């Protein structure tokens, strides 16, 4: 489930930009 957390963080970062 760590992969999901990483994916979520990446998405949040991309959406923030």
Protein backbone atom coordinates (compact mmCIF):
# COMPACT_ATOMS: atom_id res chain seq x y z
CA UNK A 1 0.00 0.00 0.00
CA UNK A 2 3.04 2.26 0.04
CA UNK A 3 2.82 2.55 -3.73
CA UNK A 4 -0.66 4.01 -3.45
CA UNK A 5 0.59 6.64 -1.02
CA UNK A 6 3.40 7.56 -3.38
CA UNK A 7 1.03 7.75 -6.32
CA UNK A 8 -1.35 9.96 -4.33
CA UNK A 9 1.47 12.30 -3.36
CA UNK A 10 2.65 12.50 -6.95
CA UNK A 11 -0.85 13.29 -8.19
CA UNK A 12 -1.30 16.00 -5.57
CA UNK A 13 2.01 17.55 -6.59
CA UNK A 14 1.16 17.46 -10.29
CA UNK A 15 -2.32 18.87 -9.71
CA UNK A 16 -0.88 21.63 -7.54
CA UNK A 17 1.48 22.84 -10.26
